[in-house]
């Protein structure tokens, strides 16, 4: 079955397209830091983790918010999950490039969590998220959790990749 198109094409679809295009441009412009396999795994992890939380929190069981125009899953709902991939990649890229020391990881995660809150606020203003029983402040703990695990996952991958390829 093909996913339905949006009920109307408005600001939320345009924001998703803009974020996806910006993510692609940023990825293409950044000097390649990781092997493609590592980059793909980072992006898949970021998109999947975001999808899992959105799916759980927006599910009929909890029904904290809707993603896009309706509670039903639509084509642009898929794109909203994909748009997390470049952000996850950039988060890891900067972490690795600047060799963020362990004593600064908490600060680094907090800064990115505030960035995530800002982006989510913009997304809610453009009706990507329609809150029912959710408050933007709740998302902060989700961002802290996800970003911590993204760093743990990256460290694990980097360690394993060095064993195999001497990255």
N, C-alpha and C. Protein backbone atom coordinates (compact mmCIF):
# COMPACT_ATOMS: atom_id res chain seq x y z
N UNK A 1 0.84 -1.19 0.00
CA UNK A 1 0.00 0.00 0.00
C UNK A 1 0.88 1.25 0.00
N UNK A 2 0.55 2.18 -0.82
CA UNK A 2 1.28 3.45 -0.91
C UNK A 2 0.81 4.37 0.20
N UNK A 3 1.76 5.06 0.81
CA UNK A 3 1.40 6.00 1.87
C UNK A 3 0.66 7.19 1.27
N UNK A 4 -0.37 7.68 1.99
CA UNK A 4 -1.12 8.82 1.44
C UNK A 4 -0.30 10.09 1.41
N UNK A 5 -0.63 10.93 0.46
CA UNK A 5 -0.03 12.26 0.37
C UNK A 5 -0.64 13.15 1.44
N UNK A 6 -0.02 14.29 1.71
CA UNK A 6 -0.57 15.20 2.72
C UNK A 6 -1.96 15.69 2.33
N UNK A 7 -2.76 16.00 3.35
CA UNK A 7 -4.09 16.56 3.10
C UNK A 7 -3.97 17.87 2.34
N UNK A 8 -2.98 18.68 2.72
CA UNK A 8 -2.65 19.90 1.99
C UNK A 8 -1.15 20.11 2.08
N UNK A 9 -0.59 20.71 1.06
CA UNK A 9 0.85 20.95 1.00
C UNK A 9 1.09 22.35 1.54
N UNK A 10 1.62 22.42 2.78
CA UNK A 10 1.79 23.74 3.40
C UNK A 10 3.14 23.83 4.11
N UNK A 11 3.21 24.67 5.14
CA UNK A 11 4.49 24.98 5.77
C UNK A 11 5.22 23.76 6.33
N UNK A 12 4.48 22.78 6.84
CA UNK A 12 5.20 21.63 7.41
C UNK A 12 5.93 20.82 6.35
N UNK A 13 5.32 20.62 5.20
CA UNK A 13 6.00 19.90 4.11
C UNK A 13 7.19 20.71 3.59
N UNK A 14 7.04 22.01 3.49
CA UNK A 14 8.14 22.85 3.02
C UNK A 14 9.31 22.83 4.01
N UNK A 15 9.01 22.85 5.31
CA UNK A 15 10.09 22.79 6.30
C UNK A 15 10.82 21.45 6.21
N UNK A 16 10.08 20.37 6.07
CA UNK A 16 10.71 19.05 5.95
C UNK A 16 11.61 19.00 4.72
N UNK A 17 11.12 19.49 3.59
CA UNK A 17 11.93 19.51 2.36
C UNK A 17 13.17 20.38 2.56
N UNK A 18 13.00 21.55 3.16
CA UNK A 18 14.13 22.45 3.41
C UNK A 18 15.18 21.83 4.32
N UNK A 19 14.74 21.16 5.37
CA UNK A 19 15.67 20.53 6.31
C UNK A 19 16.40 19.38 5.62
N UNK A 20 15.67 18.57 4.88
CA UNK A 20 16.30 17.46 4.16
C UNK A 20 17.35 17.97 3.16
N UNK A 21 16.99 18.99 2.40
CA UNK A 21 17.93 19.54 1.42
C UNK A 21 19.14 20.17 2.12
N UNK A 22 18.90 20.88 3.21
CA UNK A 22 20.01 21.48 3.97
C UNK A 22 20.93 20.40 4.52
N UNK A 23 20.35 19.32 5.02
CA UNK A 23 21.14 18.21 5.55
C UNK A 23 22.01 17.57 4.48
N UNK A 24 21.45 17.41 3.30
CA UNK A 24 22.21 16.83 2.19
C UNK A 24 23.36 17.77 1.80
N UNK A 25 23.08 19.06 1.71
CA UNK A 25 24.12 20.03 1.35
C UNK A 25 25.23 20.04 2.40
N UNK A 26 24.86 20.06 3.68
CA UNK A 26 25.87 20.06 4.74
C UNK A 26 26.72 18.80 4.66
N UNK A 27 26.08 17.66 4.48
CA UNK A 27 26.82 16.40 4.37
C UNK A 27 27.80 16.43 3.19
N UNK A 28 27.33 16.96 2.06
CA UNK A 28 28.18 17.01 0.87
C UNK A 28 29.33 18.00 1.02
N UNK A 29 29.11 19.11 1.71
CA UNK A 29 30.13 20.14 1.84
C UNK A 29 31.19 19.83 2.91
N UNK A 30 30.80 19.08 3.93
CA UNK A 30 31.77 18.75 4.98
C UNK A 30 32.84 17.82 4.42
N UNK A 31 34.09 18.06 4.81
CA UNK A 31 35.13 17.11 4.41
C UNK A 31 34.79 15.72 4.96
N UNK A 32 35.05 14.70 4.19
CA UNK A 32 34.72 13.35 4.63
C UNK A 32 35.63 12.97 5.80
N UNK A 33 35.01 12.63 6.89
CA UNK A 33 35.73 12.32 8.12
C UNK A 33 35.70 10.83 8.41
N UNK A 34 34.64 10.17 7.98
CA UNK A 34 34.44 8.76 8.29
C UNK A 34 34.28 7.97 7.00
N UNK A 35 34.58 6.69 7.05
CA UNK A 35 34.24 5.84 5.90
C UNK A 35 32.74 5.86 5.67
N UNK A 36 32.31 5.65 4.46
CA UNK A 36 30.89 5.73 4.11
C UNK A 36 30.05 4.77 4.96
N UNK A 37 30.59 3.58 5.24
CA UNK A 37 29.84 2.61 6.04
C UNK A 37 29.56 3.15 7.44
N UNK A 38 30.53 3.82 8.03
CA UNK A 38 30.35 4.41 9.36
C UNK A 38 29.35 5.57 9.30
N UNK A 39 29.45 6.39 8.27
CA UNK A 39 28.51 7.51 8.09
C UNK A 39 27.08 7.00 7.96
N UNK A 40 26.90 5.96 7.17
CA UNK A 40 25.55 5.40 6.98
C UNK A 40 25.01 4.85 8.29
N UNK A 41 25.83 4.14 9.04
CA UNK A 41 25.37 3.59 10.32
C UNK A 41 24.99 4.70 11.30
N UNK A 42 25.75 5.78 11.32
CA UNK A 42 25.41 6.91 12.20
C UNK A 42 24.07 7.50 11.80
N UNK A 43 23.87 7.69 10.51
CA UNK A 43 22.60 8.28 10.05
C UNK A 43 21.42 7.34 10.27
N UNK A 44 21.60 6.06 10.02
CA UNK A 44 20.52 5.10 10.26
C UNK A 44 20.16 5.06 11.75
N UNK A 45 21.18 5.04 12.60
CA UNK A 45 20.94 5.04 14.04
C UNK A 45 20.14 6.28 14.45
N UNK A 46 20.57 7.45 13.97
CA UNK A 46 19.89 8.71 14.33
C UNK A 46 18.44 8.72 13.87
N UNK A 47 18.21 8.32 12.65
CA UNK A 47 16.84 8.32 12.12
C UNK A 47 15.98 7.26 12.82
N UNK A 48 16.55 6.11 13.09
CA UNK A 48 15.78 5.03 13.72
C UNK A 48 15.43 5.35 15.16
N UNK A 49 16.37 5.90 15.88
CA UNK A 49 16.11 6.27 17.28
C UNK A 49 15.00 7.32 17.35
N UNK A 50 15.08 8.31 16.49
CA UNK A 50 14.04 9.35 16.45
C UNK A 50 12.69 8.74 16.10
N UNK A 51 12.69 7.86 15.11
CA UNK A 51 11.44 7.22 14.69
C UNK A 51 10.84 6.41 15.82
N UNK A 52 11.67 5.70 16.54
CA UNK A 52 11.17 4.87 17.64
C UNK A 52 10.48 5.73 18.71
N UNK A 53 11.13 6.83 19.11
CA UNK A 53 10.52 7.69 20.12
C UNK A 53 9.24 8.35 19.60
N UNK A 54 9.29 8.87 18.38
CA UNK A 54 8.08 9.50 17.82
C UNK A 54 6.95 8.48 17.69
N UNK A 55 7.29 7.30 17.26
CA UNK A 55 6.26 6.26 17.09
C UNK A 55 5.61 5.91 18.43
N UNK A 56 6.42 5.76 19.45
CA UNK A 56 5.89 5.42 20.78
C UNK A 56 5.06 6.57 21.34
N UNK A 57 5.59 7.78 21.29
CA UNK A 57 4.92 8.92 21.91
C UNK A 57 3.68 9.38 21.14
N UNK A 58 3.67 9.16 19.83
CA UNK A 58 2.51 9.57 19.02
C UNK A 58 1.54 8.41 18.80
N UNK A 59 1.85 7.24 19.32
CA UNK A 59 0.99 6.07 19.11
C UNK A 59 -0.37 6.27 19.77
N UNK A 60 -1.38 5.55 19.31
CA UNK A 60 -2.71 5.67 19.93
C UNK A 60 -2.70 5.35 21.43
N UNK A 61 -1.76 4.53 21.86
CA UNK A 61 -1.68 4.17 23.28
C UNK A 61 -1.38 5.40 24.15
N UNK A 62 -0.41 6.22 23.74
CA UNK A 62 -0.04 7.41 24.50
C UNK A 62 -0.67 8.67 23.91
N UNK A 63 -0.63 8.81 22.58
CA UNK A 63 -1.26 9.91 21.85
C UNK A 63 -0.87 11.29 22.38
N UNK A 64 0.44 11.49 22.60
CA UNK A 64 0.92 12.77 23.10
C UNK A 64 0.93 13.85 22.03
N UNK A 65 1.12 13.45 20.78
CA UNK A 65 1.13 14.42 19.69
C UNK A 65 0.94 13.71 18.36
N UNK A 66 0.63 14.51 17.34
CA UNK A 66 0.54 14.02 15.97
C UNK A 66 1.74 14.53 15.20
N UNK A 67 2.16 13.73 14.23
CA UNK A 67 3.25 14.13 13.34
C UNK A 67 2.63 14.45 11.99
N UNK A 68 2.86 15.64 11.51
CA UNK A 68 2.34 16.16 10.24
C UNK A 68 0.84 16.49 10.37
N UNK A 69 0.08 16.28 9.31
CA UNK A 69 -1.28 16.83 9.25
C UNK A 69 -2.36 16.03 9.98
N UNK A 70 -2.09 14.79 10.29
CA UNK A 70 -3.15 14.00 10.91
C UNK A 70 -2.53 12.89 11.75
N UNK A 71 -3.35 12.21 12.55
CA UNK A 71 -2.82 11.11 13.34
C UNK A 71 -2.43 9.89 12.49
N UNK A 72 -2.89 9.88 11.24
CA UNK A 72 -2.55 8.77 10.34
C UNK A 72 -1.17 8.98 9.76
N UNK A 73 -0.49 7.86 9.50
CA UNK A 73 0.85 7.92 8.93
C UNK A 73 0.75 8.28 7.45
N UNK A 74 1.54 9.25 7.02
CA UNK A 74 1.51 9.69 5.62
C UNK A 74 2.94 9.76 5.08
N UNK A 75 3.05 10.01 3.80
CA UNK A 75 4.34 10.02 3.13
C UNK A 75 5.34 10.97 3.78
N UNK A 76 4.93 12.17 4.08
CA UNK A 76 5.87 13.13 4.67
C UNK A 76 6.23 12.78 6.11
N UNK A 77 5.43 11.93 6.75
CA UNK A 77 5.81 11.40 8.06
C UNK A 77 7.10 10.61 7.97
N UNK A 78 7.27 9.88 6.87
CA UNK A 78 8.52 9.14 6.63
C UNK A 78 9.67 10.12 6.50
N UNK A 79 9.46 11.18 5.76
CA UNK A 79 10.52 12.17 5.56
C UNK A 79 10.93 12.86 6.86
N UNK A 80 9.97 13.01 7.79
CA UNK A 80 10.33 13.63 9.07
C UNK A 80 11.33 12.77 9.82
N UNK A 81 11.24 11.47 9.69
CA UNK A 81 12.20 10.60 10.36
C UNK A 81 13.56 10.67 9.69
N UNK A 82 13.56 10.76 8.39
CA UNK A 82 14.82 10.82 7.64
C UNK A 82 15.57 12.10 7.96
N UNK A 83 14.84 13.19 8.25
CA UNK A 83 15.52 14.46 8.47
C UNK A 83 16.35 14.47 9.75
N UNK A 84 16.15 13.48 10.64
CA UNK A 84 16.99 13.38 11.83
C UNK A 84 18.40 12.87 11.49
N UNK A 85 18.53 12.17 10.38
CA UNK A 85 19.81 11.55 10.02
C UNK A 85 20.95 12.57 9.88
N UNK A 86 20.78 13.65 9.10
CA UNK A 86 21.90 14.59 8.98
C UNK A 86 22.25 15.29 10.29
N UNK A 87 21.23 15.52 11.15
CA UNK A 87 21.52 16.14 12.44
C UNK A 87 22.36 15.22 13.30
N UNK A 88 22.02 13.92 13.30
CA UNK A 88 22.81 12.95 14.05
C UNK A 88 24.23 12.87 13.53
N UNK A 89 24.36 12.90 12.20
CA UNK A 89 25.69 12.86 11.59
C UNK A 89 26.50 14.09 12.00
N UNK A 90 25.90 15.28 11.91
CA UNK A 90 26.59 16.51 12.27
C UNK A 90 26.98 16.51 13.75
N UNK A 91 26.10 16.02 14.60
CA UNK A 91 26.36 15.90 16.03
C UNK A 91 27.62 15.06 16.27
N UNK A 92 27.72 13.92 15.62
CA UNK A 92 28.87 13.02 15.77
C UNK A 92 30.10 13.61 15.09
N UNK A 93 29.91 14.22 13.93
CA UNK A 93 31.02 14.81 13.18
C UNK A 93 31.74 15.86 14.03
N UNK A 94 30.98 16.77 14.60
CA UNK A 94 31.57 17.83 15.42
C UNK A 94 32.21 17.24 16.68
N UNK A 95 31.53 16.29 17.30
CA UNK A 95 32.07 15.61 18.48
C UNK A 95 33.44 15.01 18.17
N UNK A 96 33.55 14.33 17.04
CA UNK A 96 34.80 13.67 16.67
C UNK A 96 35.86 14.67 16.20
N UNK A 97 35.45 15.62 15.37
CA UNK A 97 36.39 16.59 14.81
C UNK A 97 37.09 17.40 15.90
N UNK A 98 36.31 17.85 16.87
CA UNK A 98 36.87 18.68 17.93
C UNK A 98 37.31 17.88 19.15
N UNK A 99 37.23 16.56 19.02
CA UNK A 99 37.71 15.65 20.07
C UNK A 99 37.20 16.10 21.45
N UNK A 100 35.87 16.19 21.54
CA UNK A 100 35.25 16.62 22.79
C UNK A 100 35.67 15.67 23.90
N UNK A 101 36.31 16.22 24.91
CA UNK A 101 36.80 15.42 26.03
C UNK A 101 35.64 14.99 26.92
N UNK A 102 35.86 13.90 27.64
CA UNK A 102 34.82 13.37 28.52
C UNK A 102 34.28 14.41 29.50
N UNK A 103 35.16 15.27 29.99
CA UNK A 103 34.70 16.26 30.96
C UNK A 103 33.77 17.31 30.35
N UNK A 104 33.73 17.40 29.01
CA UNK A 104 32.85 18.36 28.34
C UNK A 104 31.65 17.71 27.64
N UNK A 105 31.54 16.42 27.72
CA UNK A 105 30.45 15.72 27.01
C UNK A 105 29.08 16.17 27.50
N UNK A 106 28.94 16.33 28.81
CA UNK A 106 27.64 16.75 29.35
C UNK A 106 27.27 18.12 28.79
N UNK A 107 28.22 19.04 28.77
CA UNK A 107 27.97 20.37 28.21
C UNK A 107 27.61 20.26 26.73
N UNK A 108 28.37 19.46 25.99
CA UNK A 108 28.12 19.27 24.56
C UNK A 108 26.71 18.73 24.32
N UNK A 109 26.31 17.74 25.09
CA UNK A 109 24.97 17.15 24.94
C UNK A 109 23.90 18.18 25.32
N UNK A 110 24.13 18.96 26.36
CA UNK A 110 23.16 19.99 26.75
C UNK A 110 22.99 21.03 25.65
N UNK A 111 24.11 21.47 25.07
CA UNK A 111 24.03 22.47 23.98
C UNK A 111 23.21 21.91 22.82
N UNK A 112 23.49 20.68 22.41
CA UNK A 112 22.75 20.08 21.30
C UNK A 112 21.29 19.81 21.67
N UNK A 113 21.03 19.54 22.94
CA UNK A 113 19.64 19.34 23.36
C UNK A 113 18.86 20.65 23.27
N UNK A 114 19.49 21.75 23.62
CA UNK A 114 18.84 23.05 23.45
C UNK A 114 18.62 23.36 21.97
N UNK A 115 19.59 23.01 21.14
CA UNK A 115 19.42 23.14 19.70
C UNK A 115 18.22 22.31 19.23
N UNK A 116 18.11 21.08 19.72
CA UNK A 116 16.99 20.21 19.38
C UNK A 116 15.66 20.81 19.80
N UNK A 117 15.62 21.39 20.98
CA UNK A 117 14.39 22.05 21.46
C UNK A 117 14.03 23.22 20.55
N UNK A 118 15.03 23.99 20.15
CA UNK A 118 14.77 25.11 19.23
C UNK A 118 14.21 24.63 17.91
N UNK A 119 14.79 23.56 17.37
CA UNK A 119 14.30 23.02 16.11
C UNK A 119 12.90 22.43 16.28
N UNK A 120 12.66 21.76 17.39
CA UNK A 120 11.32 21.20 17.63
C UNK A 120 10.29 22.31 17.80
N UNK A 121 10.67 23.41 18.45
CA UNK A 121 9.76 24.55 18.58
C UNK A 121 9.37 25.07 17.19
N UNK A 122 10.38 25.25 16.32
CA UNK A 122 10.11 25.68 14.95
C UNK A 122 9.21 24.68 14.24
N UNK A 123 9.50 23.40 14.43
CA UNK A 123 8.69 22.34 13.81
C UNK A 123 7.24 22.40 14.29
N UNK A 124 7.05 22.69 15.57
CA UNK A 124 5.67 22.77 16.09
C UNK A 124 4.96 24.01 15.55
N UNK A 125 5.69 25.10 15.36
CA UNK A 125 5.10 26.31 14.78
C UNK A 125 4.69 26.09 13.32
N UNK A 126 5.40 25.17 12.65
CA UNK A 126 5.07 24.84 11.25
C UNK A 126 4.19 23.60 11.15
N UNK A 127 3.65 23.17 12.28
CA UNK A 127 2.69 22.06 12.35
C UNK A 127 3.26 20.70 11.95
N UNK A 128 4.56 20.51 12.14
CA UNK A 128 5.10 19.17 11.98
C UNK A 128 4.67 18.35 13.20
N UNK A 129 4.72 18.97 14.36
CA UNK A 129 4.23 18.33 15.58
C UNK A 129 3.03 19.13 16.08
N UNK A 130 1.96 18.41 16.36
CA UNK A 130 0.78 19.02 16.97
C UNK A 130 0.61 18.36 18.33
N UNK A 131 0.95 19.12 19.39
CA UNK A 131 0.94 18.57 20.74
C UNK A 131 -0.48 18.44 21.26
N UNK A 132 -0.72 17.33 21.94
CA UNK A 132 -2.00 17.09 22.62
C UNK A 132 -1.75 17.08 24.12
N UNK A 133 -0.98 16.10 24.56
CA UNK A 133 -0.67 15.95 25.98
C UNK A 133 0.85 15.99 26.16
N UNK A 134 1.48 16.89 25.47
CA UNK A 134 2.94 16.97 25.47
C UNK A 134 3.35 18.42 25.64
N UNK A 135 4.46 18.62 26.28
CA UNK A 135 5.02 19.94 26.46
C UNK A 135 6.43 19.90 25.91
N UNK A 136 6.83 20.94 25.25
CA UNK A 136 8.16 21.00 24.65
C UNK A 136 9.27 20.71 25.66
N UNK A 137 9.07 21.09 26.91
CA UNK A 137 10.08 20.84 27.94
C UNK A 137 10.31 19.34 28.15
N UNK A 138 9.30 18.52 27.93
CA UNK A 138 9.47 17.07 28.09
C UNK A 138 10.49 16.53 27.08
N UNK A 139 10.55 17.16 25.94
CA UNK A 139 11.45 16.69 24.88
C UNK A 139 12.92 16.81 25.27
N UNK A 140 13.22 17.74 26.17
CA UNK A 140 14.61 17.95 26.55
C UNK A 140 15.22 16.66 27.10
N UNK A 141 14.50 15.95 27.95
CA UNK A 141 15.03 14.70 28.50
C UNK A 141 15.20 13.65 27.41
N UNK A 142 14.32 13.66 26.43
CA UNK A 142 14.45 12.72 25.30
C UNK A 142 15.73 13.03 24.54
N UNK A 143 15.99 14.30 24.27
CA UNK A 143 17.20 14.68 23.55
C UNK A 143 18.45 14.30 24.33
N UNK A 144 18.45 14.53 25.63
CA UNK A 144 19.60 14.14 26.46
C UNK A 144 19.87 12.64 26.33
N UNK A 145 18.82 11.86 26.43
CA UNK A 145 18.92 10.40 26.36
C UNK A 145 19.43 9.95 24.99
N UNK A 146 18.82 10.47 23.93
CA UNK A 146 19.17 10.06 22.57
C UNK A 146 20.61 10.47 22.23
N UNK A 147 20.99 11.67 22.58
CA UNK A 147 22.33 12.13 22.22
C UNK A 147 23.41 11.41 23.01
N UNK A 148 23.14 11.10 24.26
CA UNK A 148 24.08 10.30 25.03
C UNK A 148 24.29 8.94 24.35
N UNK A 149 23.19 8.30 23.97
CA UNK A 149 23.30 6.99 23.33
C UNK A 149 23.92 7.06 21.93
N UNK A 150 23.75 8.18 21.27
CA UNK A 150 24.40 8.36 19.97
C UNK A 150 25.91 8.38 20.13
N UNK A 151 26.39 9.06 21.16
CA UNK A 151 27.84 9.08 21.41
C UNK A 151 28.33 7.69 21.80
N UNK A 152 27.59 7.00 22.65
CA UNK A 152 27.97 5.64 23.04
C UNK A 152 28.03 4.74 21.80
N UNK A 153 27.03 4.85 20.94
CA UNK A 153 27.00 4.05 19.72
C UNK A 153 28.18 4.39 18.82
N UNK A 154 28.48 5.67 18.66
CA UNK A 154 29.60 6.09 17.83
C UNK A 154 30.92 5.56 18.38
N UNK A 155 31.11 5.67 19.68
CA UNK A 155 32.35 5.16 20.28
C UNK A 155 32.49 3.65 20.04
N UNK A 156 31.39 2.96 20.19
CA UNK A 156 31.40 1.51 19.94
C UNK A 156 31.79 1.22 18.49
N UNK A 157 31.14 1.91 17.56
CA UNK A 157 31.44 1.70 16.14
C UNK A 157 32.89 2.05 15.82
N UNK A 158 33.36 3.14 16.33
CA UNK A 158 34.72 3.57 16.05
C UNK A 158 35.73 2.55 16.57
N UNK A 159 35.47 2.04 17.76
CA UNK A 159 36.35 1.02 18.33
C UNK A 159 36.34 -0.25 17.47
N UNK A 160 35.17 -0.70 17.08
CA UNK A 160 35.06 -1.91 16.25
C UNK A 160 35.63 -1.68 14.86
N UNK A 161 35.42 -0.48 14.34
CA UNK A 161 35.90 -0.19 12.99
C UNK A 161 37.43 -0.15 12.97
N UNK A 162 38.04 0.36 14.02
CA UNK A 162 39.50 0.38 14.09
C UNK A 162 40.06 -1.03 14.06
N UNK A 163 39.40 -1.94 14.73
CA UNK A 163 39.86 -3.34 14.75
C UNK A 163 39.86 -3.91 13.35
N UNK A 164 38.82 -3.60 12.58
CA UNK A 164 38.67 -4.18 11.25
C UNK A 164 39.48 -3.42 10.20
N UNK A 165 39.40 -2.09 10.19
CA UNK A 165 39.98 -1.31 9.10
C UNK A 165 41.10 -0.36 9.48
N UNK A 166 41.45 -0.30 10.73
CA UNK A 166 42.46 0.66 11.18
C UNK A 166 42.11 2.08 10.76
N UNK A 167 40.88 2.45 10.99
CA UNK A 167 40.35 3.79 10.66
C UNK A 167 41.12 4.85 11.39
